[in-house]
């Protein structure tokens, strides 16, 4: 939310989604490349694993947990 942080682009690959039996919880994982600028200086991350859990609450999907970490398994690239 800091105006000095400007997103420049991202790519999501190898997206996997698992839906609960009741269809009210979703788990996901993917590999992400992300880039931007903070205060005019470039930043970026490649081959980062993004995981998270969403829950359907009062009819709307809410992100309950998400995490970024180094992806060590380097799965083959699949464009989404």
Protein backbone atom coordinates (compact mmCIF):
# COMPACT_ATOMS: atom_id res chain seq x y z
CA UNK A 1 0.00 0.00 0.00
CA UNK A 2 3.04 2.26 -0.03
CA UNK A 3 2.86 4.58 -3.08
CA UNK A 4 6.65 4.25 -3.52
CA UNK A 5 6.10 0.58 -4.39
CA UNK A 6 5.09 0.15 -8.05
CA UNK A 7 4.30 -3.30 -9.46
CA UNK A 8 5.72 -3.73 -12.98
CA UNK A 9 4.66 -7.25 -13.88
CA UNK A 10 4.29 -10.87 -12.88
CA UNK A 11 3.98 -14.33 -14.37
CA UNK A 12 2.20 -17.27 -12.70
CA UNK A 13 3.09 -20.83 -13.75
CA UNK A 14 2.28 -24.37 -12.62
CA UNK A 15 -0.91 -23.28 -10.87
CA UNK A 16 -2.43 -26.12 -8.83
CA UNK A 17 -5.83 -25.78 -7.14
CA UNK A 18 -7.47 -28.22 -4.74
CA UNK A 19 -11.11 -27.68 -3.75
CA UNK A 20 -12.55 -29.15 -0.55
CA UNK A 21 -15.42 -31.64 -0.69
CA UNK A 22 -17.81 -29.00 0.67
CA UNK A 23 -16.51 -26.51 -1.95
CA UNK A 24 -15.92 -23.85 0.71
CA UNK A 25 -12.13 -24.09 1.05
CA UNK A 26 -9.49 -23.91 -1.70
CA UNK A 27 -5.75 -24.59 -1.45
CA UNK A 28 -3.46 -23.35 -4.22
CA UNK A 29 0.21 -23.31 -5.17
CA UNK A 30 2.13 -21.91 -8.12
CA UNK A 31 5.50 -20.61 -9.23
CA UNK A 32 5.70 -16.83 -9.62
CA UNK A 33 8.06 -14.29 -11.17
CA UNK A 34 7.37 -10.82 -9.79
CA UNK A 35 8.96 -7.42 -10.50
CA UNK A 36 8.52 -3.80 -9.61
CA UNK A 37 10.16 -0.66 -8.26
CA UNK A 38 10.41 0.75 -4.76
CA UNK A 39 11.28 4.42 -4.51
CA UNK A 40 12.57 4.26 -8.10
CA UNK A 41 14.83 1.21 -7.46
CA UNK A 42 14.00 -2.07 -9.24
CA UNK A 43 13.20 -5.21 -7.28
CA UNK A 44 12.27 -8.67 -8.43
CA UNK A 45 11.97 -12.33 -7.61
CA UNK A 46 11.99 -15.33 -9.93
CA UNK A 47 10.92 -18.94 -9.38
CA UNK A 48 9.16 -18.16 -6.09
CA UNK A 49 6.59 -20.64 -4.75
CA UNK A 50 3.27 -19.01 -3.82
CA UNK A 51 0.84 -21.01 -1.68
CA UNK A 52 -2.38 -20.05 -0.02
CA UNK A 53 -5.76 -20.96 1.35
CA UNK A 54 -9.06 -19.30 0.53
CA UNK A 55 -12.36 -19.79 2.39
CA UNK A 56 -15.85 -18.95 1.24
CA UNK A 57 -17.35 -16.72 3.95
CA UNK A 58 -20.84 -15.25 3.67
CA UNK A 59 -20.83 -16.04 -0.06
CA UNK A 60 -17.48 -14.35 -0.84
CA UNK A 61 -14.01 -15.88 -1.23
CA UNK A 62 -11.45 -14.53 1.26
CA UNK A 63 -7.70 -15.17 1.32
CA UNK A 64 -7.04 -16.64 4.77
CA UNK A 65 -3.37 -17.48 4.36
CA UNK A 66 -0.68 -17.00 1.72
CA UNK A 67 3.05 -17.55 1.71
CA UNK A 68 5.98 -16.96 -0.62
CA UNK A 69 9.10 -19.10 -0.39
CA UNK A 70 12.03 -20.28 -2.49
CA UNK A 71 10.99 -23.07 -4.86
CA UNK A 72 13.60 -25.81 -4.77
CA UNK A 73 11.92 -28.47 -6.91
CA UNK A 74 12.02 -26.47 -10.20
CA UNK A 75 9.08 -28.17 -11.89
CA UNK A 76 8.80 -27.84 -15.70
CA UNK A 77 7.24 -24.52 -16.72
CA UNK A 78 3.54 -24.56 -17.60
CA UNK A 79 2.00 -21.23 -18.62
CA UNK A 80 -1.37 -20.30 -17.05
